[in-house]
C-alpha atoms as a PDB file:
ATOM      1  CA  MET A   1      13.206  25.513 -12.587  1.00  0.00           C
ATOM      2  CA  GLY A   2      13.425  23.503 -15.798  1.00  0.00           C
ATOM      3  CA  LYS A   3      11.610  20.285 -16.564  1.00  0.00           C
ATOM      4  CA  HIS A   4      14.684  18.112 -15.953  1.00  0.00           C
ATOM      5  CA  GLY A   5      15.455  19.833 -12.648  1.00  0.00           C
ATOM      6  CA  SER A   6      11.889  19.258 -11.480  1.00  0.00           C
ATOM      7  CA  LYS A   7      12.130  15.575 -12.382  1.00  0.00           C
ATOM      8  CA  LEU A   8      15.432  15.250 -10.536  1.00  0.00           C
ATOM      9  CA  ILE A   9      13.955  16.734  -7.361  1.00  0.00           C
ATOM     10  CA  HIS A  10      10.941  14.420  -7.716  1.00  0.00           C
ATOM     11  CA  TRP A  11      13.127  11.304  -7.907  1.00  0.00           C
ATOM     12  CA  LEU A  12      15.339  12.487  -5.053  1.00  0.00           C
ATOM     13  CA  ASN A  13      12.283  13.103  -2.853  1.00  0.00           C
ATOM     14  CA  THR A  14      10.857   9.723  -3.791  1.00  0.00           C
ATOM     15  CA  GLY A  15      14.175   8.001  -3.066  1.00  0.00           C
ATOM     16  CA  CYS A  16      14.447   9.679   0.332  1.00  0.00           C
ATOM     17  CA  THR A  17      10.892   8.679   1.173  1.00  0.00           C
ATOM     18  CA  THR A  18      11.490   5.080   0.125  1.00  0.00           C
ATOM     19  CA  THR A  19      14.654   4.981   2.237  1.00  0.00           C
ATOM     20  CA  ALA A  20      12.735   6.389   5.205  1.00  0.00           C
ATOM     21  CA  ALA A  21      10.075   3.703   4.751  1.00  0.00           C
ATOM     22  CA  CYS A  22      12.728   0.968   4.752  1.00  0.00           C
ATOM     23  CA  VAL A  23      14.380   2.412   7.873  1.00  0.00           C
ATOM     24  CA  LEU A  24      11.025   2.537   9.665  1.00  0.00           C
ATOM     25  CA  TRP A  25      10.391  -1.072   8.644  1.00  0.00           C
ATOM     26  CA  ALA A  26      13.762  -2.136  10.038  1.00  0.00           C
ATOM     27  CA  LEU A  27      13.288  -0.222  13.295  1.00  0.00           C
ATOM     28  CA  SER A  28       9.808  -1.708  13.658  1.00  0.00           C
ATOM     29  CA  GLY A  29      11.391  -5.122  13.297  1.00  0.00           C
ATOM     30  CA  LEU A  30      13.832  -4.409  16.104  1.00  0.00           C
ATOM     31  CA  PHE A  31      10.967  -3.315  18.349  1.00  0.00           C
ATOM     32  CA  PHE A  32       8.550  -6.116  17.621  1.00  0.00           C
ATOM     33  CA  SER A  33      11.169  -8.879  17.581  1.00  0.00           C
ATOM     34  CA  ASN A  34      11.977  -8.055  21.212  1.00  0.00           C
ATOM     35  CA  HIS A  35       8.427  -7.280  22.261  1.00  0.00           C
ATOM     36  CA  ALA A  36       6.247  -9.790  24.059  1.00  0.00           C
ATOM     37  CA  GLN A  37       8.816 -12.580  23.777  1.00  0.00           C
ATOM     38  CA  ALA A  38       9.261 -12.164  20.012  1.00  0.00           C
ATOM     39  CA  ARG A  39       5.643 -12.629  19.062  1.00  0.00           C
ATOM     40  CA  GLU A  40       4.970 -13.282  15.394  1.00  0.00           C
ATOM     41  CA  TRP A  41       4.753 -10.173  13.228  1.00  0.00           C
ATOM     42  CA  LEU A  42       4.471  -9.236   9.584  1.00  0.00           C
ATOM     43  CA  GLY A  43       6.522  -6.417   8.050  1.00  0.00           C
ATOM     44  CA  LEU A  44       5.661  -4.777   4.727  1.00  0.00           C
ATOM     45  CA  THR A  45       7.465  -2.075   2.749  1.00  0.00           C
ATOM     46  CA  GLY A  46       7.702  -0.950  -0.839  1.00  0.00           C
ATOM     47  CA  ALA A  47       7.491   1.796  -3.400  1.00  0.00           C
ATOM     48  CA  GLU A  48       5.702   2.554  -6.650  1.00  0.00           C
ATOM     49  CA  LEU A  49       7.046   5.055  -9.182  1.00  0.00           C
ATOM     50  CA  GLY A  50       5.177   6.388 -12.178  1.00  0.00           C
ATOM     51  CA  GLU A  51       5.234   8.972 -14.925  1.00  0.00           C
ATOM     52  CA  ASN A  52       3.581  12.363 -14.400  1.00  0.00           C
ATOM     53  CA  HIS A  53       5.220  12.540 -10.962  1.00  0.00           C
ATOM     54  CA  ASN A  54       3.075   9.790  -9.439  1.00  0.00           C
ATOM     55  CA  ALA A  55       4.742   7.989  -6.539  1.00  0.00           C
ATOM     56  CA  TYR A  56       3.915   5.982  -3.427  1.00  0.00           C
ATOM     57  CA  ALA A  57       6.087   4.577  -0.626  1.00  0.00           C
ATOM     58  CA  PHE A  58       5.008   2.726   2.508  1.00  0.00           C
ATOM     59  CA  ALA A  59       6.089   0.735   5.551  1.00  0.00           C
ATOM     60  CA  GLY A  60       3.764  -1.267   7.800  1.00  0.00           C
ATOM     61  CA  VAL A  61       3.689  -3.728  10.668  1.00  0.00           C
ATOM     62  CA  ILE A  62       0.955  -6.222  11.635  1.00  0.00           C
ATOM     63  CA  THR A  63       1.202  -8.256  14.835  1.00  0.00           C
ATOM     64  CA  PRO A  64      -1.265 -10.140  17.083  1.00  0.00           C
ATOM     65  CA  LEU A  65      -2.770  -8.305  20.030  1.00  0.00           C
ATOM     66  CA  ALA A  66      -2.046 -11.237  22.358  1.00  0.00           C
ATOM     67  CA  SER A  67       1.595 -12.264  22.848  1.00  0.00           C
ATOM     68  CA  ASN A  68       0.774 -15.981  22.580  1.00  0.00           C
ATOM     69  CA  ALA A  69      -1.375 -15.655  19.433  1.00  0.00           C
ATOM     70  CA  ALA A  70      -0.436 -16.229  15.793  1.00  0.00           C
ATOM     71  CA  LEU A  71      -1.266 -14.235  12.707  1.00  0.00           C
ATOM     72  CA  GLY A  72      -4.390 -15.430  10.968  1.00  0.00           C
ATOM     73  CA  GLN A  73      -5.933 -16.682  14.207  1.00  0.00           C
ATOM     74  CA  GLY A  74      -7.695 -13.707  15.747  1.00  0.00           C
ATOM     75  CA  TRP A  75      -7.207 -10.101  16.789  1.00  0.00           C
ATOM     76  CA  VAL A  76      -4.256  -8.078  15.452  1.00  0.00           C
ATOM     77  CA  GLN A  77      -2.895  -4.541  15.473  1.00  0.00           C
ATOM     78  CA  ARG A  78      -1.788  -2.750  12.299  1.00  0.00           C
ATOM     79  CA  TYR A  79       0.455   0.325  11.933  1.00  0.00           C
ATOM     80  CA  TRP A  80       1.022   2.007   8.564  1.00  0.00           C
ATOM     81  CA  LEU A  81       3.189   4.927   7.403  1.00  0.00           C
ATOM     82  CA  ASP A  82       3.082   6.125   3.792  1.00  0.00           C
ATOM     83  CA  TRP A  83       3.758   8.974   1.410  1.00  0.00           C
ATOM     84  CA  VAL A  84       1.942   9.649  -1.846  1.00  0.00           C
ATOM     85  CA  GLU A  85       2.407  12.117  -4.693  1.00  0.00           C
ATOM     86  CA  TYR A  86      -0.062  12.442  -7.555  1.00  0.00           C
ATOM     87  CA  ARG A  87      -1.527  14.831 -10.114  1.00  0.00           C
ATOM     88  CA  PHE A  88      -5.131  15.697 -10.867  1.00  0.00           C
ATOM     89  CA  ASP A  89      -7.055  18.132 -13.061  1.00  0.00           C
ATOM     90  CA  SER A  90      -8.764  21.167 -11.512  1.00  0.00           C
ATOM     91  CA  ASN A  91     -10.445  23.726 -13.785  1.00  0.00           C
ATOM     92  CA  ASN A  92      -8.251  22.640 -16.705  1.00  0.00           C
ATOM     93  CA  GLU A  93      -5.086  23.066 -14.646  1.00  0.00           C
ATOM     94  CA  THR A  94      -2.887  20.245 -13.355  1.00  0.00           C
ATOM     95  CA  VAL A  95      -2.521  20.293  -9.567  1.00  0.00           C
ATOM     96  CA  ARG A  96       0.251  18.430  -7.718  1.00  0.00           C
ATOM     97  CA  ALA A  97      -0.586  16.784  -4.396  1.00  0.00           C
ATOM     98  CA  GLU A  98       1.936  15.526  -1.829  1.00  0.00           C
ATOM     99  CA  ALA A  99       0.495  13.705   1.170  1.00  0.00           C
ATOM    100  CA  PRO A 100       2.380  11.885   3.955  1.00  0.00           C
ATOM    101  CA  GLY A 101       0.153   9.876   6.289  1.00  0.00           C
ATOM    102  CA  PHE A 102      -0.028   7.484   9.227  1.00  0.00           C
ATOM    103  CA  SER A 103      -2.723   5.109  10.478  1.00  0.00           C
ATOM    104  CA  ALA A 104      -3.230   2.695  13.355  1.00  0.00           C
ATOM    105  CA  ALA A 105      -5.934   0.040  13.421  1.00  0.00           C
ATOM    106  CA  VAL A 106      -7.218  -3.028  15.212  1.00  0.00           C
ATOM    107  CA  GLY A 107      -8.393  -5.942  13.133  1.00  0.00           C
ATOM    108  CA  TYR A 108      -9.401  -9.577  12.989  1.00  0.00           C
ATOM    109  CA  GLN A 109      -7.746 -12.196  10.748  1.00  0.00           C
ATOM    110  CA  GLN A 110      -8.859 -15.710   9.979  1.00  0.00           C
ATOM    111  CA  ALA A 111      -6.845 -18.238   7.999  1.00  0.00           C
ATOM    112  CA  THR A 112      -8.705 -20.922   6.018  1.00  0.00           C
ATOM    113  CA  ALA A 113      -7.712 -24.015   4.091  1.00  0.00           C
ATOM    114  CA  THR A 114      -7.715 -21.979   0.880  1.00  0.00           C
ATOM    115  CA  GLY A 115      -6.411 -18.583   2.041  1.00  0.00           C
ATOM    116  CA  PHE A 116      -7.438 -15.947   4.589  1.00  0.00           C
ATOM    117  CA  TRP A 117      -9.682 -12.950   5.224  1.00  0.00           C
ATOM    118  CA  ALA A 118      -9.249  -9.915   7.466  1.00  0.00           C
ATOM    119  CA  GLY A 119     -11.025  -6.748   8.537  1.00  0.00           C
ATOM    120  CA  TYR A 120      -9.612  -3.634  10.250  1.00  0.00           C
ATOM    121  CA  ALA A 121     -10.917  -0.402  11.767  1.00  0.00           C
ATOM    122  CA  GLY A 122      -8.840   2.502  13.034  1.00  0.00           C
ATOM    123  CA  ALA A 123      -7.861   6.135  12.634  1.00  0.00           C
ATOM    124  CA  GLY A 124      -5.510   7.883  10.241  1.00  0.00           C
ATOM    125  CA  TYR A 125      -3.812  11.240   9.799  1.00  0.00           C
ATOM    126  CA  ARG A 126      -2.693  12.814   6.526  1.00  0.00           C
ATOM    127  CA  LYS A 127      -1.306  16.200   5.528  1.00  0.00           C
ATOM    128  CA  THR A 128      -1.973  17.091   1.894  1.00  0.00           C
ATOM    129  CA  THR A 129      -0.146  19.960   0.195  1.00  0.00           C
ATOM    130  CA  LEU A 130      -1.478  21.187  -3.160  1.00  0.00           C
ATOM    131  CA  SER A 131       0.496  23.147  -5.748  1.00  0.00           C
ATOM    132  CA  PRO A 132      -0.966  25.430  -6.964  1.00  0.00           C
ATOM    133  CA  ASP A 133      -3.142  25.634  -3.878  1.00  0.00           C
ATOM    134  CA  ARG A 134      -6.873  24.950  -4.047  1.00  0.00           C
ATOM    135  CA  PRO A 135      -8.625  26.381  -0.941  1.00  0.00           C
ATOM    136  CA  ASP A 136     -11.900  24.718  -1.955  1.00  0.00           C
ATOM    137  CA  ALA A 137     -10.384  21.216  -2.237  1.00  0.00           C
ATOM    138  CA  GLU A 138     -11.937  18.752   0.214  1.00  0.00           C
ATOM    139  CA  VAL A 139      -8.689  16.853   0.703  1.00  0.00           C
ATOM    140  CA  ARG A 140      -6.286  19.608   1.769  1.00  0.00           C
ATOM    141  CA  GLY A 141      -4.127  20.385   4.792  1.00  0.00           C
ATOM    142  CA  SER A 142      -3.946  18.312   7.986  1.00  0.00           C
ATOM    143  CA  GLN A 143      -6.881  15.942   8.383  1.00  0.00           C
ATOM    144  CA  THR A 144      -7.885  12.896  10.412  1.00  0.00           C
ATOM    145  CA  ALA A 145     -10.212  10.155   9.238  1.00  0.00           C
ATOM    146  CA  LEU A 146     -11.814   6.863  10.246  1.00  0.00           C
ATOM    147  CA  HIS A 147     -10.221   4.002   8.296  1.00  0.00           C
ATOM    148  CA  LEU A 148     -11.987   0.766   7.333  1.00  0.00           C
ATOM    149  CA  LEU A 149     -10.102  -1.989   5.509  1.00  0.00           C
ATOM    150  CA  VAL A 150     -11.007  -5.506   4.335  1.00  0.00           C
ATOM    151  CA  GLU A 151      -8.742  -8.113   2.706  1.00  0.00           C
ATOM    152  CA  LEU A 152      -9.403 -11.476   1.067  1.00  0.00           C
ATOM    153  CA  ASP A 153      -7.006 -14.038  -0.381  1.00  0.00           C
ATOM    154  CA  HIS A 154      -8.631 -17.149  -1.836  1.00  0.00           C
ATOM    155  CA  ARG A 155      -7.215 -20.054  -3.834  1.00  0.00           C
ATOM    156  CA  PHE A 156     -10.126 -21.392  -5.884  1.00  0.00           C
ATOM    157  CA  ALA A 157      -8.064 -24.041  -7.717  1.00  0.00           C
ATOM    158  CA  LYS A 158      -4.606 -25.546  -7.346  1.00  0.00           C
ATOM    159  CA  THR A 159      -3.146 -23.059  -9.786  1.00  0.00           C
ATOM    160  CA  TRP A 160      -5.506 -20.071  -9.507  1.00  0.00           C
ATOM    161  CA  ARG A 161      -5.839 -17.444  -6.797  1.00  0.00           C
ATOM    162  CA  PHE A 162      -7.711 -14.192  -6.114  1.00  0.00           C
ATOM    163  CA  ALA A 163      -6.355 -11.490  -3.799  1.00  0.00           C
ATOM    164  CA  GLY A 164      -8.453  -8.423  -3.064  1.00  0.00           C
ATOM    165  CA  ALA A 165      -8.452  -5.460  -0.692  1.00  0.00           C
ATOM    166  CA  ALA A 166     -10.583  -2.363  -0.186  1.00  0.00           C
ATOM    167  CA  GLN A 167      -9.991   0.633   2.068  1.00  0.00           C
ATOM    168  CA  LEU A 168     -12.354   3.499   2.837  1.00  0.00           C
ATOM    169  CA  ALA A 169     -11.408   6.624   4.779  1.00  0.00           C
ATOM    170  CA  LEU A 170     -14.307   8.626   6.206  1.00  0.00           C
ATOM    171  CA  GLY A 171     -13.985  12.356   6.921  1.00  0.00           C
ATOM    172  CA  PRO A 172     -12.650  13.338   4.399  1.00  0.00           C
ATOM    173  CA  ASP A 173     -13.755  10.506   2.157  1.00  0.00           C
ATOM    174  CA  SER A 174     -11.255   8.599   0.031  1.00  0.00           C
ATOM    175  CA  TYR A 175     -11.107   5.056  -1.322  1.00  0.00           C
ATOM    176  CA  TRP A 176      -8.639   2.464  -2.566  1.00  0.00           C
ATOM    177  CA  THR A 177      -9.504  -0.979  -3.964  1.00  0.00           C
ATOM    178  CA  ARG A 178      -7.327  -3.629  -5.597  1.00  0.00           C
ATOM    179  CA  ALA A 179      -8.104  -6.989  -7.189  1.00  0.00           C
ATOM    180  CA  LYS A 180      -5.433  -9.444  -8.362  1.00  0.00           C
ATOM    181  CA  PHE A 181      -6.107 -12.563 -10.431  1.00  0.00           C
ATOM    182  CA  LEU A 182      -3.097 -14.872 -10.236  1.00  0.00           C
ATOM    183  CA  ASN A 183      -1.894 -18.167 -11.704  1.00  0.00           C
ATOM    184  CA  LYS A 184       0.976 -20.454 -10.681  1.00  0.00           C
ATOM    185  CA  SER A 185       2.187 -23.471 -12.618  1.00  0.00           C
ATOM    186  CA  SER A 186       3.309 -26.520 -10.657  1.00  0.00           C
ATOM    187  CA  ASP A 187       7.025 -25.800 -11.175  1.00  0.00           C
ATOM    188  CA  ALA A 188       6.910 -21.980 -10.843  1.00  0.00           C
ATOM    189  CA  ALA A 189       8.568 -20.117  -7.972  1.00  0.00           C
ATOM    190  CA  PHE A 190       5.983 -17.320  -7.924  1.00  0.00           C
ATOM    191  CA  TRP A 191       2.423 -16.346  -8.795  1.00  0.00           C
ATOM    192  CA  GLN A 192       1.766 -14.083 -11.774  1.00  0.00           C
ATOM    193  CA  GLY A 193      -1.256 -12.386 -13.262  1.00  0.00           C
ATOM    194  CA  ALA A 194      -3.113  -9.093 -13.530  1.00  0.00           C
ATOM    195  CA  GLU A 195      -4.158  -6.382 -11.104  1.00  0.00           C
ATOM    196  CA  ILE A 196      -6.718  -3.608 -11.311  1.00  0.00           C
ATOM    197  CA  VAL A 197      -6.808  -0.710  -8.851  1.00  0.00           C
ATOM    198  CA  PHE A 198      -9.431   1.991  -8.304  1.00  0.00           C
ATOM    199  CA  GLN A 199      -8.545   4.881  -6.008  1.00  0.00           C
ATOM    200  CA  GLY A 200      -9.478   8.481  -5.370  1.00  0.00           C
ATOM    201  CA  ASP A 201     -11.205  11.153  -3.320  1.00  0.00           C
ATOM    202  CA  PRO A 202     -13.646  14.014  -4.089  1.00  0.00           C
ATOM    203  CA  ASP A 203     -10.966  15.777  -6.183  1.00  0.00           C
ATOM    204  CA  TYR A 204      -9.117  12.864  -7.766  1.00  0.00           C
ATOM    205  CA  HIS A 205      -9.972   9.521  -9.402  1.00  0.00           C
ATOM    206  CA  ALA A 206      -7.559   7.005 -10.938  1.00  0.00           C
ATOM    207  CA  THR A 207      -7.601   3.503 -12.411  1.00  0.00           C
ATOM    208  CA  LYS A 208      -4.532   1.263 -12.704  1.00  0.00           C
ATOM    209  CA  VAL A 209      -4.188  -1.920 -14.715  1.00  0.00           C
ATOM    210  CA  GLY A 210      -0.996  -3.952 -14.700  1.00  0.00           C
ATOM    211  CA  TYR A 211       0.970  -7.185 -14.646  1.00  0.00           C
ATOM    212  CA  VAL A 212       2.015  -8.519 -11.225  1.00  0.00           C
ATOM    213  CA  LEU A 213       4.475 -11.114  -9.974  1.00  0.00           C
ATOM    214  CA  ASP A 214       3.670 -12.219  -6.405  1.00  0.00           C
ATOM    215  CA  GLU A 215       5.328 -14.135  -3.569  1.00  0.00           C
ATOM    216  CA  TRP A 216       8.760 -14.622  -5.095  1.00  0.00           C
ATOM    217  CA  SER A 217      10.853 -15.891  -2.174  1.00  0.00           C
ATOM    218  CA  VAL A 218      14.129 -13.992  -1.677  1.00  0.00           C
ATOM    219  CA  GLY A 219      15.016 -15.290   1.799  1.00  0.00           C
ATOM    220  CA  LYS A 220      13.698 -17.118   4.831  1.00  0.00           C
ATOM    221  CA  GLY A 221      10.222 -15.747   5.471  1.00  0.00           C
ATOM    222  CA  ILE A 222      10.691 -12.872   2.993  1.00  0.00           C
ATOM    223  CA  GLY A 223       8.909 -12.525  -0.342  1.00  0.00           C
ATOM    224  CA  VAL A 224       8.889  -9.859  -3.034  1.00  0.00           C
ATOM    225  CA  ASN A 225       6.050  -8.660  -5.261  1.00  0.00           C
ATOM    226  CA  LEU A 226       6.668  -6.803  -8.538  1.00  0.00           C
ATOM    227  CA  LYS A 227       4.263  -4.797 -10.695  1.00  0.00           C
ATOM    228  CA  LEU A 228       4.244  -2.978 -14.027  1.00  0.00           C
ATOM    229  CA  GLY A 229       1.299  -1.242 -15.633  1.00  0.00           C
ATOM    230  CA  ALA A 230      -0.586   1.868 -16.746  1.00  0.00           C
ATOM    231  CA  ASN A 231      -2.300   4.522 -14.631  1.00  0.00           C
ATOM    232  CA  LYS A 232      -5.200   6.634 -15.918  1.00  0.00           C
ATOM    233  CA  THR A 233      -6.074   9.642 -13.770  1.00  0.00           C
ATOM    234  CA  LYS A 234      -9.196  11.638 -14.646  1.00  0.00           C
ATOM    235  CA  GLY A 235      -8.164  14.746 -16.575  1.00  0.00           C
ATOM    236  CA  VAL A 236      -4.513  13.660 -16.879  1.00  0.00           C
ATOM    237  CA  LYS A 237      -2.884  11.620 -19.647  1.00  0.00           C
ATOM    238  CA  THR A 238      -2.287   7.893 -19.120  1.00  0.00           C
ATOM    239  CA  ALA A 239       1.096   7.092 -17.566  1.00  0.00           C
ATOM    240  CA  GLY A 240       3.127   3.980 -16.809  1.00  0.00           C
ATOM    241  CA  TYR A 241       4.155   2.774 -13.354  1.00  0.00           C
ATOM    242  CA  VAL A 242       6.486   0.203 -11.800  1.00  0.00           C
ATOM    243  CA  GLY A 243       6.533  -1.016  -8.219  1.00  0.00           C
ATOM    244  CA  ILE A 244       8.149  -3.381  -5.740  1.00  0.00           C
ATOM    245  CA  GLU A 245       6.907  -4.683  -2.378  1.00  0.00           C
ATOM    246  CA  PHE A 246       8.659  -6.719   0.315  1.00  0.00           C
ATOM    247  CA  VAL A 247       6.699  -8.854   2.791  1.00  0.00           C
ATOM    248  CA  GLY A 248       8.458 -10.553   5.706  1.00  0.00           C
ATOM    249  CA  SER A 249       7.148 -12.872   8.398  1.00  0.00           C
ATOM    250  CA  PHE A 250       9.184 -12.872  11.616  1.00  0.00           C
ATOM    251  CA  GLY A 251       9.131 -13.980  15.252  1.00  0.00           C
ATOM    252  CA  ASN A 252       7.608 -17.147  16.710  1.00  0.00           C
ATOM    253  CA  ARG A 253       5.769 -19.125  14.037  1.00  0.00           C
END
């Protein structure tokens, strides 16, 4: 198949995955909005597309464990479905990885006067397909792992904010960390700034640096985040990426 045909299939697969993530998000909303007398819940979905056939799509739900509790005030449950495609170098050959995954976790959130922090622990499943195949790759085939995740959002001045997150999967080991430094003028409708992301596993390591626009309200309880930047994967040329995320807060608040 030619280069253009391969790209077309890549974008079609990515579009289908993004659509599936949005459908899951909507169905999750129907379930949680009628569950436990419409307890408060947070829905998240989005997609990131990049050059060199790098892509990511996700849908997630976070809701309190207790029906009478609110987000940011104690124990929560978190469910996450995603799909990732990336390239990495192996013995001077570019290998394509496609990896759908799912995770479920229990966590604790605490809101503060200047932001919030949260920690989660749970289990995840991922099936990674490599092309061409690498039998000696540590991240390959169907695998389960222990997931640990921490998040922090802190406003350290009226117009400045830091948002960070780090996730570690154990067995097989992989990592993902993100730090965002954001500014918002008094008359602005959104935060804007820079992000830096480090992610990888024993076979793959990447760094992303980009511009982000956060918490742009597009409806009651719904905000959108936008991103644009460059991705450097070890052994692969630097490539651009663009992404969009939707975050919605629903139920009793």
